[in-house]
Amino acid sequence: MTHPTRYLARIVLFLAVIFALAFGLHDVLFHAFMSNPGLNFVILAVMTLGILWNIHLTTRLFPEVKWISVLQQPREGLKVPSPPRLLAPMARLFRARREHYPHFALSHQTTSAMLESLTARMDEGREISRYITQLLVFLGLLGTFYGLILTVRSIADVIGAMPSGGADLTAMFEHVRSGLTQPLIGMSTAFSASMFGLAGSLILGFIDLTAGQAQNRFANEVEDWLAGITFIETPDAAAIAGGQPGLNIFQHTPGSTQAAPAQSEAQIIRELTSQIAQLREEIAAARADQQEG
């Protein structure tokens, strides 16, 4: 299994480059931030939340990878770690099957159901990350429109307060110059919010991409592992019955999935139906536990 450390290191390196650039431009960024500190603080807080969430999505793969690695390379006296959260239904299925059948194979339907459950759990976290990225864009546009409203209203006030008739031209010019202060503040508010919002979405987009690559690599390797312990045709009847050694999920050999003594079609259908029903119950229980937690 590929360890997610490389993806976590890529995120940390990218953030280090961003902090270095921000430190080099701290004067400009500070003045831009003070143009509208309230909204800009909210944008930075949301960006920080999104960064921490994506780091969490990457680091939660560590126990999953460790659990599978132990199963792939079993050794005497080595304690199997506690089942992780993403692979909890799979861990319960393996434990239940091992108690009844020490040597067993997984059906294609069972493997597909476990992969779908794993994909759904990972997509749930990715959806939150995508929402935070879109929220940053929305906050940037909100600040832009708010600044434009302030600008238009200030320009209207300046025009409405301009002296008319035979007023002195110098006094009129001074009035316009002093009145343009508020419109410029409004434009500064609009541009600063847009800058922080778009920059935050760009930063979070790259981190979300890296976290997604780590999750996709993990899902692909889990699929490859399960493909090695999945039968497509008739399984070994003796293995399913638990009488003779058959297919061991921890020590799979290329010739172990070949067809053995023929098993009646009715027995195969009953076995597949039982496995699928048991898996659905375990997935439903896992989702209920997750919602309660």
Protein backbone atom coordinates (compact mmCIF):
# COMPACT_ATOMS: atom_id res chain seq x y z
CA MET A 1 0.00 0.00 0.00
CA THR A 2 1.21 3.48 -0.86
CA HIS A 3 1.66 5.51 2.31
CA PRO A 4 -0.13 8.91 2.23
CA THR A 5 2.94 10.62 3.70
CA ARG A 6 4.04 11.80 0.27
CA TYR A 7 0.76 13.62 -0.29
CA LEU A 8 0.86 15.16 3.17
CA ALA A 9 4.42 16.35 2.51
CA ARG A 10 3.26 17.90 -0.76
CA ILE A 11 0.55 19.84 1.09
CA VAL A 12 3.02 21.06 3.72
CA LEU A 13 5.53 22.13 1.07
CA PHE A 14 2.86 24.03 -0.86
CA LEU A 15 1.71 25.83 2.30
CA ALA A 16 5.32 26.73 3.11
CA VAL A 17 5.67 28.38 -0.32
CA ILE A 18 2.40 30.29 0.21
CA PHE A 19 3.52 31.53 3.64
CA ALA A 20 6.85 32.65 2.17
CA LEU A 21 5.07 34.66 -0.54
CA ALA A 22 2.68 36.14 2.01
CA PHE A 23 5.60 37.16 4.20
CA GLY A 24 7.30 38.87 1.27
CA LEU A 25 4.11 40.81 0.47
CA HIS A 26 3.01 41.40 4.05
CA ASP A 27 2.82 45.20 3.69
CA VAL A 28 0.49 45.07 0.68
CA LEU A 29 -1.57 42.27 2.15
CA PHE A 30 -1.92 44.08 5.47
CA HIS A 31 -3.24 47.26 3.82
CA ALA A 32 -5.61 45.19 1.69
CA PHE A 33 -6.80 43.29 4.76
CA MET A 34 -7.49 46.48 6.71
CA SER A 35 -9.71 47.77 3.89
CA ASN A 36 -12.43 45.47 5.15
CA PRO A 37 -11.11 43.53 8.16
CA GLY A 38 -14.42 41.91 9.07
CA LEU A 39 -15.15 40.18 5.78
CA ASN A 40 -11.49 39.47 5.04
CA PHE A 41 -11.12 37.79 8.42
CA VAL A 42 -14.09 35.56 7.64
CA ILE A 43 -12.52 34.61 4.28
CA LEU A 44 -9.20 33.72 5.90
CA ALA A 45 -10.95 31.76 8.65
CA VAL A 46 -12.92 29.73 6.09
CA MET A 47 -9.73 29.08 4.10
CA THR A 48 -7.96 27.88 7.25
CA LEU A 49 -10.88 25.59 8.05
CA GLY A 50 -10.73 24.12 4.54
CA ILE A 51 -6.98 23.53 4.79
CA LEU A 52 -7.35 21.73 8.12
CA TRP A 53 -10.21 19.65 6.77
CA ASN A 54 -8.19 18.48 3.75
CA ILE A 55 -5.25 17.64 6.00
CA HIS A 56 -7.67 15.59 8.09
CA LEU A 57 -8.89 13.75 4.98
CA THR A 58 -5.29 12.84 4.19
CA THR A 59 -4.17 11.86 7.69
CA ARG A 60 -7.19 9.63 8.32
CA LEU A 61 -5.83 7.28 5.64
CA PHE A 62 -2.88 6.36 7.87
CA PRO A 63 -4.76 3.81 10.06
CA GLU A 64 -6.53 2.44 6.98
CA VAL A 65 -3.26 1.76 5.21
CA LYS A 66 -1.74 0.26 8.36
CA TRP A 67 -4.69 -2.09 8.82
CA ILE A 68 -4.55 -3.39 5.25
CA SER A 69 -0.77 -3.74 5.37
CA VAL A 70 -1.05 -5.98 8.42
CA LEU A 71 -3.65 -8.13 6.67
CA GLN A 72 -1.58 -8.41 3.52
CA GLN A 73 1.52 -9.54 5.40
CA PRO A 74 0.33 -11.62 8.38
CA ARG A 75 2.96 -12.75 10.86
CA GLU A 76 2.70 -14.98 13.87
CA GLY A 77 2.25 -13.05 17.09
CA LEU A 78 1.50 -9.78 15.31
CA LYS A 79 -1.60 -8.14 16.73
CA VAL A 80 -4.08 -6.90 14.15
CA PRO A 81 -4.87 -3.22 14.80
CA SER A 82 -8.37 -2.01 15.55
CA PRO A 83 -10.61 -1.66 12.48
CA PRO A 84 -10.46 1.88 11.04
CA ARG A 85 -13.49 3.98 10.22
CA LEU A 86 -13.46 3.94 6.41
CA LEU A 87 -13.03 0.17 6.23
CA ALA A 88 -15.21 -0.66 9.24
CA PRO A 89 -17.84 -2.64 7.24
CA MET A 90 -15.10 -4.58 5.48
CA ALA A 91 -13.37 -5.34 8.80
CA ARG A 92 -16.60 -6.62 10.36
CA LEU A 93 -17.29 -8.80 7.33
CA PHE A 94 -13.81 -10.30 7.41
CA ARG A 95 -14.00 -10.95 11.14
CA ALA A 96 -17.43 -12.59 10.88
CA ARG A 97 -16.43 -14.74 7.93
CA ARG A 98 -13.16 -15.82 9.51
CA GLU A 99 -14.99 -17.00 12.64
CA HIS A 100 -17.15 -19.36 10.56
CA TYR A 101 -14.90 -20.08 7.58
CA PRO A 102 -11.15 -19.70 8.15
CA HIS A 103 -10.59 -19.98 4.37
CA PHE A 104 -13.02 -18.20 2.13
CA ALA A 105 -13.31 -16.18 -1.04
CA LEU A 106 -15.32 -13.05 -1.69
CA SER A 107 -17.98 -12.93 -4.34
CA HIS A 108 -17.99 -10.27 -7.00
CA GLN A 109 -21.19 -8.75 -5.56
CA THR A 110 -19.69 -8.55 -2.07
CA THR A 111 -16.54 -6.89 -3.34
CA SER A 112 -18.53 -4.34 -5.37
CA ALA A 113 -20.67 -3.49 -2.35
CA MET A 114 -17.60 -2.94 -0.15
CA LEU A 115 -15.96 -0.72 -2.75
CA GLU A 116 -19.14 1.31 -3.14
CA SER A 117 -19.30 1.79 0.63
CA LEU A 118 -15.67 2.93 0.72
CA THR A 119 -16.22 5.35 -2.18
CA ALA A 120 -19.34 6.82 -0.55
CA ARG A 121 -17.50 7.44 2.73
CA MET A 122 -14.62 9.20 0.98
CA ASP A 123 -16.91 11.25 -1.27
CA GLU A 124 -18.70 12.58 1.81
CA GLY A 125 -15.52 14.28 2.97
CA ARG A 126 -14.65 15.51 -0.51
CA GLU A 127 -18.07 17.18 -0.85
CA ILE A 128 -17.41 19.25 2.27
CA SER A 129 -14.05 20.34 0.86
CA ARG A 130 -15.62 21.36 -2.47
CA TYR A 131 -18.31 23.32 -0.66
CA ILE A 132 -15.69 25.27 1.31
CA THR A 133 -13.85 26.10 -1.93
CA GLN A 134 -17.04 27.40 -3.51
CA LEU A 135 -17.83 29.31 -0.32
CA LEU A 136 -14.55 31.22 -0.65
CA VAL A 137 -15.50 32.29 -4.17
CA PHE A 138 -18.93 33.36 -2.93
CA LEU A 139 -17.46 35.41 -0.09
CA GLY A 140 -15.08 37.11 -2.53
CA LEU A 141 -17.96 38.04 -4.82
CA LEU A 142 -20.03 39.16 -1.85
CA GLY A 143 -17.27 41.54 -0.80
CA THR A 144 -16.98 42.79 -4.38
CA PHE A 145 -20.65 43.66 -4.64
CA TYR A 146 -20.62 45.20 -1.18
CA GLY A 147 -17.71 47.44 -2.14
CA LEU A 148 -19.40 48.43 -5.39
CA ILE A 149 -22.55 49.37 -3.50
CA LEU A 150 -20.49 51.60 -1.21
CA THR A 151 -18.76 53.15 -4.22
CA VAL A 152 -21.97 53.92 -6.10
CA ARG A 153 -23.65 55.35 -3.02
CA SER A 154 -20.63 57.55 -2.23
CA ILE A 155 -20.47 58.87 -5.79
CA ALA A 156 -24.18 59.67 -5.63
CA ASP A 157 -23.66 61.59 -2.38
CA VAL A 158 -20.77 63.56 -3.88
CA ILE A 159 -22.76 64.52 -6.96
CA GLY A 160 -25.80 65.41 -4.90
CA ALA A 161 -23.76 67.70 -2.61
CA MET A 162 -21.98 69.56 -5.42
CA PRO A 163 -22.64 73.32 -5.36
CA SER A 164 -24.63 74.68 -8.29
CA GLY A 165 -25.01 78.04 -9.94
CA GLY A 166 -22.11 80.44 -9.88
CA ALA A 167 -20.06 78.61 -7.30
CA ASP A 168 -16.34 79.06 -7.22
CA LEU A 169 -14.57 76.54 -9.45
CA THR A 170 -11.81 76.04 -6.91
CA ALA A 171 -14.29 75.28 -4.14
CA MET A 172 -16.11 72.85 -6.42
CA PHE A 173 -12.87 71.04 -7.21
CA GLU A 174 -11.98 70.76 -3.53
CA HIS A 175 -15.44 69.38 -2.80
CA VAL A 176 -15.11 66.73 -5.51
CA ARG A 177 -11.62 65.76 -4.37
CA SER A 178 -12.65 65.38 -0.74
CA GLY A 179 -15.80 63.54 -1.76
CA LEU A 180 -13.92 60.92 -3.77
CA THR A 181 -12.40 59.47 -0.59
CA GLN A 182 -15.42 57.32 0.19
CA PRO A 183 -15.79 55.88 -3.35
CA LEU A 184 -12.12 54.91 -3.31
CA ILE A 185 -12.60 53.18 0.05
CA GLY A 186 -15.51 51.24 -1.45
CA MET A 187 -13.37 50.16 -4.41
CA SER A 188 -10.62 49.07 -2.05
CA THR A 189 -13.14 46.97 -0.13
CA ALA A 190 -14.36 45.33 -3.33
CA PHE A 191 -10.91 44.53 -4.70
CA SER A 192 -9.47 43.27 -1.40
CA ALA A 193 -12.37 40.87 -0.82
CA SER A 194 -12.06 39.56 -4.38
CA MET A 195 -8.33 39.07 -3.99
CA PHE A 196 -8.56 37.16 -0.71
CA GLY A 197 -11.54 35.08 -1.86
CA LEU A 198 -10.04 34.02 -5.19
CA ALA A 199 -6.57 33.44 -3.72
CA GLY A 200 -8.09 31.33 -0.94
CA SER A 201 -10.07 29.24 -3.43
CA LEU A 202 -6.93 28.72 -5.52
CA ILE A 203 -4.91 27.57 -2.50
CA LEU A 204 -7.67 25.33 -1.22
CA GLY A 205 -8.25 23.92 -4.71
CA PHE A 206 -4.69 22.62 -4.94
CA ILE A 207 -4.83 21.12 -1.45
CA ASP A 208 -8.18 19.49 -2.25
CA LEU A 209 -6.66 18.07 -5.44
CA THR A 210 -3.74 16.58 -3.49
CA ALA A 211 -6.02 15.08 -0.84
CA GLY A 212 -8.21 13.66 -3.60
CA GLN A 213 -5.20 12.02 -5.24
CA ALA A 214 -4.29 10.37 -1.94
CA GLN A 215 -7.81 9.02 -1.52
CA ASN A 216 -8.03 7.83 -5.13
CA ARG A 217 -4.71 6.02 -4.83
CA PHE A 218 -5.90 4.36 -1.62
CA ALA A 219 -9.21 3.30 -3.21
CA ASN A 220 -7.45 1.89 -6.29
CA GLU A 221 -5.03 -0.15 -4.20
CA VAL A 222 -7.87 -1.49 -2.05
CA GLU A 223 -9.67 -2.50 -5.23
CA ASP A 224 -6.55 -4.25 -6.54
CA TRP A 225 -6.18 -6.08 -3.24
CA LEU A 226 -9.80 -7.22 -3.17
CA ALA A 227 -9.57 -8.32 -6.80
CA GLY A 228 -6.97 -10.86 -5.72
CA ILE A 229 -9.33 -12.51 -3.23
CA THR A 230 -12.52 -12.38 -5.30
CA PHE A 231 -13.89 -15.30 -7.28
CA ILE A 232 -15.83 -14.72 -10.47
CA GLU A 233 -17.07 -18.22 -11.18
CA THR A 234 -17.88 -21.08 -8.81
CA PRO A 235 -15.88 -20.81 -5.55
CA ASP A 236 -14.16 -23.69 -3.81
CA ALA A 237 -17.01 -25.60 -2.21
CA ALA A 238 -14.78 -27.10 0.44
CA ALA A 239 -13.49 -23.68 1.43
CA ILE A 240 -17.01 -22.28 1.83
CA ALA A 241 -18.07 -25.28 3.83
CA GLY A 242 -15.08 -24.79 6.12
CA GLY A 243 -14.00 -28.40 5.81
CA GLN A 244 -10.80 -28.32 3.74
CA PRO A 245 -8.29 -25.50 3.23
CA GLY A 246 -9.30 -23.36 0.31
CA LEU A 247 -8.69 -19.74 -0.54
CA ASN A 248 -7.02 -17.79 2.28
CA ILE A 249 -7.68 -14.06 2.09
CA PHE A 250 -4.32 -13.28 3.69
CA GLN A 251 -2.14 -15.58 1.60
CA HIS A 252 -3.57 -15.64 -1.87
CA THR A 253 -1.92 -17.73 -4.55
CA PRO A 254 -2.57 -17.46 -8.29
CA GLY A 255 -3.94 -21.01 -8.58
CA SER A 256 -6.28 -20.85 -5.62
CA THR A 257 -9.25 -19.40 -7.50
CA GLN A 258 -9.51 -22.19 -10.07
CA ALA A 259 -12.77 -24.08 -10.15
CA ALA A 260 -12.92 -27.04 -7.75
CA PRO A 261 -15.66 -29.62 -7.15
CA ALA A 262 -18.86 -28.40 -8.69
CA GLN A 263 -21.36 -26.80 -6.39
CA SER A 264 -25.06 -26.76 -7.12
CA GLU A 265 -26.47 -23.54 -8.49
CA ALA A 266 -28.97 -23.28 -5.65
CA GLN A 267 -26.20 -23.44 -3.05
CA ILE A 268 -24.24 -20.74 -4.83
CA ILE A 269 -27.28 -18.44 -5.00
CA ARG A 270 -28.03 -18.98 -1.30
CA GLU A 271 -24.44 -18.22 -0.35
CA LEU A 272 -24.31 -15.03 -2.43
CA THR A 273 -27.68 -13.86 -1.13
CA SER A 274 -26.59 -14.43 2.47
CA GLN A 275 -23.32 -12.53 1.96
CA ILE A 276 -25.03 -9.56 0.30
CA ALA A 277 -27.75 -9.34 2.95
CA GLN A 278 -25.18 -9.51 5.75
CA LEU A 279 -23.05 -6.83 4.11
CA ARG A 280 -26.02 -4.50 3.67
CA GLU A 281 -26.94 -4.87 7.34
CA GLU A 282 -23.38 -4.09 8.41
CA ILE A 283 -23.16 -1.04 6.13
CA ALA A 284 -26.50 0.27 7.45
CA ALA A 285 -25.34 -0.22 11.04
CA ALA A 286 -22.05 1.53 10.32
CA ARG A 287 -23.82 4.51 8.77
CA ALA A 288 -26.20 4.71 11.74
CA ASP A 289 -23.26 4.68 14.15
CA GLN A 290 -21.55 7.41 12.13
CA GLN A 291 -24.65 9.62 12.15
CA GLU A 292 -25.08 9.17 15.91
CA GLY A 293 -21.39 10.04 16.44
